């Protein structure tokens, strides 16, 4: 619930996003709502998706990024650079 979508959670733990949604409803989990100026974006990608994503010229334009391996997937975290 810290910024990941149900589909991203699905890719990380290997459980259907529908199941994740049911767990959230069943346990009454709520998103932590706070107005942050810092908003990183998270993406969970396969190897081929990562290659395509990195090929986009605007990928790092004015951004910082961290890429880490999650089993057979990769998590890309991007954020606006502080100026």
PDB file of N, CA and C in Angstrom:
ATOM      1  N   UNK A   1       0.828  -1.195   0.000  1.00  0.00           N
ATOM      2  CA  UNK A   1       0.000   0.000   0.000  1.00  0.00           C
ATOM      3  C   UNK A   1       0.870   1.255   0.000  1.00  0.00           C
ATOM      4  N   UNK A   2       2.155   1.083  -0.199  1.00  0.00           N
ATOM      5  CA  UNK A   2       3.074   2.223  -0.188  1.00  0.00           C
ATOM      6  C   UNK A   2       3.432   2.643  -1.604  1.00  0.00           C
ATOM      7  N   UNK A   3       2.432   2.723  -2.468  1.00  0.00           N
ATOM      8  CA  UNK A   3       2.666   3.207  -3.807  1.00  0.00           C
ATOM      9  C   UNK A   3       2.673   2.142  -4.886  1.00  0.00           C
ATOM     10  N   UNK A   4       2.619   0.875  -4.518  1.00  0.00           N
ATOM     11  CA  UNK A   4       2.593  -0.185  -5.513  1.00  0.00           C
ATOM     12  C   UNK A   4       1.156  -0.498  -5.902  1.00  0.00           C
ATOM     13  N   UNK A   5       0.958  -0.760  -7.164  1.00  0.00           N
ATOM     14  CA  UNK A   5      -0.374  -1.154  -7.625  1.00  0.00           C
ATOM     15  C   UNK A   5      -0.589  -2.639  -7.323  1.00  0.00           C
ATOM     16  N   UNK A   6      -1.831  -3.077  -7.403  1.00  0.00           N
ATOM     17  CA  UNK A   6      -2.126  -4.499  -7.180  1.00  0.00           C
ATOM     18  C   UNK A   6      -1.406  -5.366  -8.205  1.00  0.00           C
ATOM     19  N   UNK A   7      -1.301  -4.889  -9.426  1.00  0.00           N
ATOM     20  CA  UNK A   7      -0.603  -5.667 -10.465  1.00  0.00           C
ATOM     21  C   UNK A   7       0.894  -5.756 -10.186  1.00  0.00           C
ATOM     22  N   UNK A   8       1.482  -4.697  -9.634  1.00  0.00           N
ATOM     23  CA  UNK A   8       2.897  -4.748  -9.270  1.00  0.00           C
ATOM     24  C   UNK A   8       3.114  -5.726  -8.117  1.00  0.00           C
ATOM     25  N   UNK A   9       2.207  -5.722  -7.156  1.00  0.00           N
ATOM     26  CA  UNK A   9       2.286  -6.682  -6.048  1.00  0.00           C
ATOM     27  C   UNK A   9       2.143  -8.101  -6.593  1.00  0.00           C
ATOM     28  N   UNK A  10       1.237  -8.278  -7.557  1.00  0.00           N
ATOM     29  CA  UNK A  10       1.040  -9.569  -8.212  1.00  0.00           C
ATOM     30  C   UNK A  10       2.360 -10.070  -8.802  1.00  0.00           C
ATOM     31  N   UNK A  11       3.070  -9.205  -9.487  1.00  0.00           N
ATOM     32  CA  UNK A  11       4.337  -9.602 -10.106  1.00  0.00           C
ATOM     33  C   UNK A  11       5.405  -9.942  -9.073  1.00  0.00           C
ATOM     34  N   UNK A  12       5.409  -9.245  -7.940  1.00  0.00           N
ATOM     35  CA  UNK A  12       6.428  -9.495  -6.915  1.00  0.00           C
ATOM     36  C   UNK A  12       6.183 -10.817  -6.202  1.00  0.00           C
ATOM     37  N   UNK A  13       4.942 -11.048  -5.747  1.00  0.00           N
ATOM     38  CA  UNK A  13       4.690 -12.236  -4.917  1.00  0.00           C
ATOM     39  C   UNK A  13       4.076 -13.401  -5.672  1.00  0.00           C
ATOM     40  N   UNK A  14       3.704 -13.177  -6.950  1.00  0.00           N
ATOM     41  CA  UNK A  14       3.197 -14.284  -7.755  1.00  0.00           C
ATOM     42  C   UNK A  14       1.780 -14.703  -7.429  1.00  0.00           C
ATOM     43  N   UNK A  15       0.980 -13.768  -6.913  1.00  0.00           N
ATOM     44  CA  UNK A  15      -0.425 -14.026  -6.589  1.00  0.00           C
ATOM     45  C   UNK A  15      -1.257 -13.066  -7.418  1.00  0.00           C
ATOM     46  N   UNK A  16      -2.393 -13.512  -7.902  1.00  0.00           N
ATOM     47  CA  UNK A  16      -3.264 -12.695  -8.734  1.00  0.00           C
ATOM     48  C   UNK A  16      -3.580 -11.346  -8.085  1.00  0.00           C
ATOM     49  N   UNK A  17      -3.640 -10.292  -8.907  1.00  0.00           N
ATOM     50  CA  UNK A  17      -3.987  -8.968  -8.378  1.00  0.00           C
ATOM     51  C   UNK A  17      -5.400  -8.960  -7.806  1.00  0.00           C
ATOM     52  N   UNK A  18      -6.263  -9.831  -8.302  1.00  0.00           N
ATOM     53  CA  UNK A  18      -7.618  -9.955  -7.750  1.00  0.00           C
ATOM     54  C   UNK A  18      -7.540 -10.486  -6.318  1.00  0.00           C
ATOM     55  N   UNK A  19      -6.672 -11.458  -6.088  1.00  0.00           N
ATOM     56  CA  UNK A  19      -6.473 -11.993  -4.737  1.00  0.00           C
ATOM     57  C   UNK A  19      -5.922 -10.919  -3.815  1.00  0.00           C
ATOM     58  N   UNK A  20      -4.955 -10.144  -4.292  1.00  0.00           N
ATOM     59  CA  UNK A  20      -4.394  -9.056  -3.488  1.00  0.00           C
ATOM     60  C   UNK A  20      -5.498  -8.069  -3.117  1.00  0.00           C
ATOM     61  N   UNK A  21      -6.340  -7.717  -4.083  1.00  0.00           N
ATOM     62  CA  UNK A  21      -7.455  -6.810  -3.834  1.00  0.00           C
ATOM     63  C   UNK A  21      -8.399  -7.376  -2.772  1.00  0.00           C
ATOM     64  N   UNK A  22      -8.690  -8.662  -2.844  1.00  0.00           N
ATOM     65  CA  UNK A  22      -9.564  -9.307  -1.853  1.00  0.00           C
ATOM     66  C   UNK A  22      -8.937  -9.266  -0.464  1.00  0.00           C
ATOM     67  N   UNK A  23      -7.611  -9.504  -0.389  1.00  0.00           N
ATOM     68  CA  UNK A  23      -6.924  -9.446   0.904  1.00  0.00           C
ATOM     69  C   UNK A  23      -7.025  -8.050   1.513  1.00  0.00           C
ATOM     70  N   UNK A  24      -6.837  -7.038   0.681  1.00  0.00           N
ATOM     71  CA  UNK A  24      -6.906  -5.655   1.157  1.00  0.00           C
ATOM     72  C   UNK A  24      -8.294  -5.363   1.713  1.00  0.00           C
ATOM     73  N   UNK A  25      -9.330  -5.735   0.967  1.00  0.00           N
ATOM     74  CA  UNK A  25     -10.705  -5.513   1.439  1.00  0.00           C
ATOM     75  C   UNK A  25     -10.999  -6.337   2.691  1.00  0.00           C
ATOM     76  N   UNK A  26     -10.582  -7.608   2.682  1.00  0.00           N
ATOM     77  CA  UNK A  26     -10.865  -8.522   3.790  1.00  0.00           C
ATOM     78  C   UNK A  26     -10.257  -8.023   5.095  1.00  0.00           C
ATOM     79  N   UNK A  27      -9.051  -7.464   5.022  1.00  0.00           N
ATOM     80  CA  UNK A  27      -8.353  -7.023   6.231  1.00  0.00           C
ATOM     81  C   UNK A  27      -8.524  -5.535   6.516  1.00  0.00           C
ATOM     82  N   UNK A  28      -9.324  -4.862   5.702  1.00  0.00           N
ATOM     83  CA  UNK A  28      -9.619  -3.447   5.946  1.00  0.00           C
ATOM     84  C   UNK A  28      -8.393  -2.552   5.873  1.00  0.00           C
ATOM     85  N   UNK A  29      -7.450  -2.888   4.997  1.00  0.00           N
ATOM     86  CA  UNK A  29      -6.222  -2.105   4.872  1.00  0.00           C
ATOM     87  C   UNK A  29      -6.526  -0.826   4.098  1.00  0.00           C
ATOM     88  N   UNK A  30      -6.027   0.283   4.606  1.00  0.00           N
ATOM     89  CA  UNK A  30      -6.222   1.564   3.933  1.00  0.00           C
ATOM     90  C   UNK A  30      -4.877   2.127   3.524  1.00  0.00           C
ATOM     91  N   UNK A  31      -4.897   2.852   2.434  1.00  0.00           N
ATOM     92  CA  UNK A  31      -3.670   3.511   1.980  1.00  0.00           C
ATOM     93  C   UNK A  31      -3.313   4.621   2.964  1.00  0.00           C
ATOM     94  N   UNK A  32      -2.017   4.775   3.175  1.00  0.00           N
ATOM     95  CA  UNK A  32      -1.527   5.851   4.015  1.00  0.00           C
ATOM     96  C   UNK A  32      -1.592   7.133   3.199  1.00  0.00           C
ATOM     97  N   UNK A  33      -2.508   8.012   3.555  1.00  0.00           N
ATOM     98  CA  UNK A  33      -2.700   9.240   2.795  1.00  0.00           C
ATOM     99  C   UNK A  33      -1.991  10.395   3.492  1.00  0.00           C
ATOM    100  N   UNK A  34      -1.021  10.920   2.824  1.00  0.00           N
ATOM    101  CA  UNK A  34      -0.313  12.078   3.323  1.00  0.00           C
ATOM    102  C   UNK A  34       0.159  12.855   2.106  1.00  0.00           C
ATOM    103  N   UNK A  35       0.126  14.148   2.180  1.00  0.00           N
ATOM    104  CA  UNK A  35       0.492  14.966   1.031  1.00  0.00           C
ATOM    105  C   UNK A  35       1.994  15.197   1.016  1.00  0.00           C
ATOM    106  N   UNK A  36       2.702  14.341   0.264  1.00  0.00           N
ATOM    107  CA  UNK A  36       4.144  14.462   0.131  1.00  0.00           C
ATOM    108  C   UNK A  36       4.482  15.195  -1.159  1.00  0.00           C
ATOM    109  N   UNK A  37       5.514  16.004  -1.139  1.00  0.00           N
ATOM    110  CA  UNK A  37       6.023  16.600  -2.364  1.00  0.00           C
ATOM    111  C   UNK A  37       6.888  15.590  -3.104  1.00  0.00           C
ATOM    112  N   UNK A  38       7.427  14.652  -2.374  1.00  0.00           N
ATOM    113  CA  UNK A  38       8.298  13.617  -2.927  1.00  0.00           C
ATOM    114  C   UNK A  38       7.430  12.434  -3.342  1.00  0.00           C
ATOM    115  N   UNK A  39       7.328  12.191  -4.631  1.00  0.00           N
ATOM    116  CA  UNK A  39       6.483  11.119  -5.153  1.00  0.00           C
ATOM    117  C   UNK A  39       7.285  10.225  -6.088  1.00  0.00           C
ATOM    118  N   UNK A  40       7.934   9.210  -5.548  1.00  0.00           N
ATOM    119  CA  UNK A  40       8.626   8.289  -6.459  1.00  0.00           C
ATOM    120  C   UNK A  40       7.600   7.439  -7.200  1.00  0.00           C
ATOM    121  N   UNK A  41       7.961   6.977  -8.375  1.00  0.00           N
ATOM    122  CA  UNK A  41       7.091   6.065  -9.110  1.00  0.00           C
ATOM    123  C   UNK A  41       7.778   4.711  -9.171  1.00  0.00           C
ATOM    124  N   UNK A  42       7.006   3.660  -8.992  1.00  0.00           N
ATOM    125  CA  UNK A  42       7.517   2.305  -8.972  1.00  0.00           C
ATOM    126  C   UNK A  42       6.975   1.550 -10.167  1.00  0.00           C
ATOM    127  N   UNK A  43       7.807   0.717 -10.748  1.00  0.00           N
ATOM    128  CA  UNK A  43       7.350  -0.169 -11.825  1.00  0.00           C
ATOM    129  C   UNK A  43       8.034  -1.508 -11.639  1.00  0.00           C
ATOM    130  N   UNK A  44       7.284  -2.564 -11.827  1.00  0.00           N
ATOM    131  CA  UNK A  44       7.824  -3.917 -11.800  1.00  0.00           C
ATOM    132  C   UNK A  44       7.817  -4.411 -13.238  1.00  0.00           C
ATOM    133  N   UNK A  45       8.993  -4.797 -13.745  1.00  0.00           N
ATOM    134  CA  UNK A  45       9.127  -5.134 -15.153  1.00  0.00           C
ATOM    135  C   UNK A  45       9.869  -6.458 -15.339  1.00  0.00           C
ATOM    136  N   UNK A  46       9.548  -7.157 -16.416  1.00  0.00           N
ATOM    137  CA  UNK A  46      10.331  -8.323 -16.815  1.00  0.00           C
ATOM    138  C   UNK A  46      11.608  -7.812 -17.478  1.00  0.00           C
ATOM    139  N   UNK A  47      12.528  -8.712 -17.791  1.00  0.00           N
ATOM    140  CA  UNK A  47      13.786  -8.307 -18.415  1.00  0.00           C
ATOM    141  C   UNK A  47      13.550  -7.592 -19.747  1.00  0.00           C
ATOM    142  N   UNK A  48      12.692  -8.141 -20.595  1.00  0.00           N
ATOM    143  CA  UNK A  48      12.432  -7.523 -21.904  1.00  0.00           C
ATOM    144  C   UNK A  48      11.736  -6.168 -21.749  1.00  0.00           C
ATOM    145  N   UNK A  49      10.812  -6.063 -20.787  1.00  0.00           N
ATOM    146  CA  UNK A  49      10.147  -4.780 -20.538  1.00  0.00           C
ATOM    147  C   UNK A  49      11.147  -3.735 -20.051  1.00  0.00           C
ATOM    148  N   UNK A  50      12.104  -4.166 -19.215  1.00  0.00           N
ATOM    149  CA  UNK A  50      13.122  -3.257 -18.701  1.00  0.00           C
ATOM    150  C   UNK A  50      13.992  -2.712 -19.832  1.00  0.00           C
ATOM    151  N   UNK A  51      14.390  -3.592 -20.749  1.00  0.00           N
ATOM    152  CA  UNK A  51      15.208  -3.163 -21.883  1.00  0.00           C
ATOM    153  C   UNK A  51      14.461  -2.114 -22.705  1.00  0.00           C
ATOM    154  N   UNK A  52      13.182  -2.339 -22.986  1.00  0.00           N
ATOM    155  CA  UNK A  52      12.380  -1.378 -23.737  1.00  0.00           C
ATOM    156  C   UNK A  52      12.230  -0.060 -22.970  1.00  0.00           C
ATOM    157  N   UNK A  53      12.024  -0.166 -21.667  1.00  0.00           N
ATOM    158  CA  UNK A  53      11.836   1.010 -20.825  1.00  0.00           C
ATOM    159  C   UNK A  53      13.098   1.873 -20.806  1.00  0.00           C
ATOM    160  N   UNK A  54      14.252   1.242 -20.686  1.00  0.00           N
ATOM    161  CA  UNK A  54      15.518   1.976 -20.639  1.00  0.00           C
ATOM    162  C   UNK A  54      15.875   2.586 -21.986  1.00  0.00           C
ATOM    163  N   UNK A  55      15.314   2.062 -23.069  1.00  0.00           N
ATOM    164  CA  UNK A  55      15.595   2.584 -24.405  1.00  0.00           C
ATOM    165  C   UNK A  55      14.877   3.912 -24.670  1.00  0.00           C
ATOM    166  N   UNK A  56      13.880   4.245 -23.837  1.00  0.00           N
ATOM    167  CA  UNK A  56      13.154   5.503 -24.010  1.00  0.00           C
ATOM    168  C   UNK A  56      14.065   6.668 -23.629  1.00  0.00           C
ATOM    169  N   UNK A  57      14.264   7.652 -24.529  1.00  0.00           N
ATOM    170  CA  UNK A  57      15.194   8.746 -24.251  1.00  0.00           C
ATOM    171  C   UNK A  57      14.789   9.607 -23.054  1.00  0.00           C
ATOM    172  N   UNK A  58      13.491   9.723 -22.782  1.00  0.00           N
ATOM    173  CA  UNK A  58      13.052  10.566 -21.659  1.00  0.00           C
ATOM    174  C   UNK A  58      13.092   9.840 -20.317  1.00  0.00           C
ATOM    175  N   UNK A  59      13.608   8.611 -20.284  1.00  0.00           N
ATOM    176  CA  UNK A  59      13.621   7.817 -19.055  1.00  0.00           C
ATOM    177  C   UNK A  59      14.267   8.570 -17.887  1.00  0.00           C
ATOM    178  N   UNK A  60      15.436   9.153 -18.105  1.00  0.00           N
ATOM    179  CA  UNK A  60      16.131   9.830 -17.010  1.00  0.00           C
ATOM    180  C   UNK A  60      16.163  11.342 -17.140  1.00  0.00           C
ATOM    181  N   UNK A  61      15.459  11.904 -18.067  1.00  0.00           N
ATOM    182  CA  UNK A  61      15.461  13.349 -18.243  1.00  0.00           C
ATOM    183  C   UNK A  61      14.923  14.029 -16.984  1.00  0.00           C
ATOM    184  N   UNK A  62      15.809  14.631 -16.213  1.00  0.00           N
ATOM    185  CA  UNK A  62      15.409  15.329 -14.990  1.00  0.00           C
ATOM    186  C   UNK A  62      14.991  14.422 -13.865  1.00  0.00           C
ATOM    187  N   UNK A  63      15.356  13.157 -13.914  1.00  0.00           N
ATOM    188  CA  UNK A  63      14.942  12.174 -12.907  1.00  0.00           C
ATOM    189  C   UNK A  63      16.144  11.476 -12.289  1.00  0.00           C
ATOM    190  N   UNK A  64      15.936  10.920 -11.124  1.00  0.00           N
ATOM    191  CA  UNK A  64      16.867   9.982 -10.515  1.00  0.00           C
ATOM    192  C   UNK A  64      16.227   8.615 -10.614  1.00  0.00           C
ATOM    193  N   UNK A  65      17.018   7.551 -10.564  1.00  0.00           N
ATOM    194  CA  UNK A  65      16.433   6.217 -10.697  1.00  0.00           C
ATOM    195  C   UNK A  65      17.258   5.185  -9.949  1.00  0.00           C
ATOM    196  N   UNK A  66      16.568   4.144  -9.522  1.00  0.00           N
ATOM    197  CA  UNK A  66      17.184   2.993  -8.886  1.00  0.00           C
ATOM    198  C   UNK A  66      16.535   1.762  -9.492  1.00  0.00           C
ATOM    199  N   UNK A  67      17.353   0.799  -9.908  1.00  0.00           N
ATOM    200  CA  UNK A  67      16.839  -0.450 -10.472  1.00  0.00           C
ATOM    201  C   UNK A  67      17.378  -1.589  -9.630  1.00  0.00           C
ATOM    202  N   UNK A  68      16.487  -2.469  -9.188  1.00  0.00           N
ATOM    203  CA  UNK A  68      16.913  -3.610  -8.388  1.00  0.00           C
ATOM    204  C   UNK A  68      16.212  -4.869  -8.883  1.00  0.00           C
ATOM    205  N   UNK A  69      16.861  -5.993  -8.678  1.00  0.00           N
ATOM    206  CA  UNK A  69      16.333  -7.274  -9.135  1.00  0.00           C
ATOM    207  C   UNK A  69      15.428  -7.878  -8.069  1.00  0.00           C
ATOM    208  N   UNK A  70      14.292  -8.403  -8.506  1.00  0.00           N
ATOM    209  CA  UNK A  70      13.347  -9.100  -7.621  1.00  0.00           C
ATOM    210  C   UNK A  70      13.079 -10.466  -8.226  1.00  0.00           C
ATOM    211  N   UNK A  71      13.919 -11.428  -7.942  1.00  0.00           N
ATOM    212  CA  UNK A  71      13.768 -12.748  -8.544  1.00  0.00           C
ATOM    213  C   UNK A  71      13.982 -12.656 -10.039  1.00  0.00           C
ATOM    214  N   UNK A  72      12.952 -12.983 -10.815  1.00  0.00           N
ATOM    215  CA  UNK A  72      13.068 -12.900 -12.274  1.00  0.00           C
ATOM    216  C   UNK A  72      12.517 -11.587 -12.815  1.00  0.00           C
ATOM    217  N   UNK A  73      12.168 -10.643 -11.945  1.00  0.00           N
ATOM    218  CA  UNK A  73      11.647  -9.333 -12.334  1.00  0.00           C
ATOM    219  C   UNK A  73      12.599  -8.239 -11.849  1.00  0.00           C
ATOM    220  N   UNK A  74      12.315  -7.007 -12.244  1.00  0.00           N
ATOM    221  CA  UNK A  74      13.103  -5.855 -11.844  1.00  0.00           C
ATOM    222  C   UNK A  74      12.176  -4.761 -11.361  1.00  0.00           C
ATOM    223  N   UNK A  75      12.569  -4.072 -10.283  1.00  0.00           N
ATOM    224  CA  UNK A  75      11.813  -2.927  -9.791  1.00  0.00           C
ATOM    225  C   UNK A  75      12.593  -1.675 -10.169  1.00  0.00           C
ATOM    226  N   UNK A  76      11.903  -0.743 -10.821  1.00  0.00           N
ATOM    227  CA  UNK A  76      12.483   0.539 -11.189  1.00  0.00           C
ATOM    228  C   UNK A  76      11.785   1.605 -10.350  1.00  0.00           C
ATOM    229  N   UNK A  77      12.571   2.358  -9.588  1.00  0.00           N
ATOM    230  CA  UNK A  77      12.039   3.457  -8.782  1.00  0.00           C
ATOM    231  C   UNK A  77      12.604   4.740  -9.375  1.00  0.00           C
ATOM    232  N   UNK A  78      11.723   5.652  -9.772  1.00  0.00           N
ATOM    233  CA  UNK A  78      12.142   6.935 -10.349  1.00  0.00           C
ATOM    234  C   UNK A  78      11.583   8.069  -9.511  1.00  0.00           C
ATOM    235  N   UNK A  79      12.314   9.175  -9.468  1.00  0.00           N
ATOM    236  CA  UNK A  79      11.868  10.346  -8.733  1.00  0.00           C
ATOM    237  C   UNK A  79      12.414  11.600  -9.398  1.00  0.00           C
ATOM    238  N   UNK A  80      11.766  12.720  -9.126  1.00  0.00           N
ATOM    239  CA  UNK A  80      12.264  14.008  -9.615  1.00  0.00           C
ATOM    240  C   UNK A  80      13.521  14.351  -8.841  1.00  0.00           C
ATOM    241  N   UNK A  81      14.521  14.838  -9.563  1.00  0.00           N
ATOM    242  CA  UNK A  81      15.747  15.262  -8.882  1.00  0.00           C
ATOM    243  C   UNK A  81      15.488  16.524  -8.094  1.00  0.00           C
ATOM    244  N   UNK A  82      16.126  16.604  -6.940  1.00  0.00           N
ATOM    245  CA  UNK A  82      16.006  17.809  -6.126  1.00  0.00           C
ATOM    246  C   UNK A  82      16.883  18.907  -6.741  1.00  0.00           C
ATOM    247  N   UNK A  83      16.372  20.088  -6.804  1.00  0.00           N
ATOM    248  CA  UNK A  83      17.140  21.209  -7.387  1.00  0.00           C
ATOM    249  C   UNK A  83      17.328  22.283  -6.348  1.00  0.00           C
TER     250      UNK A  83
END
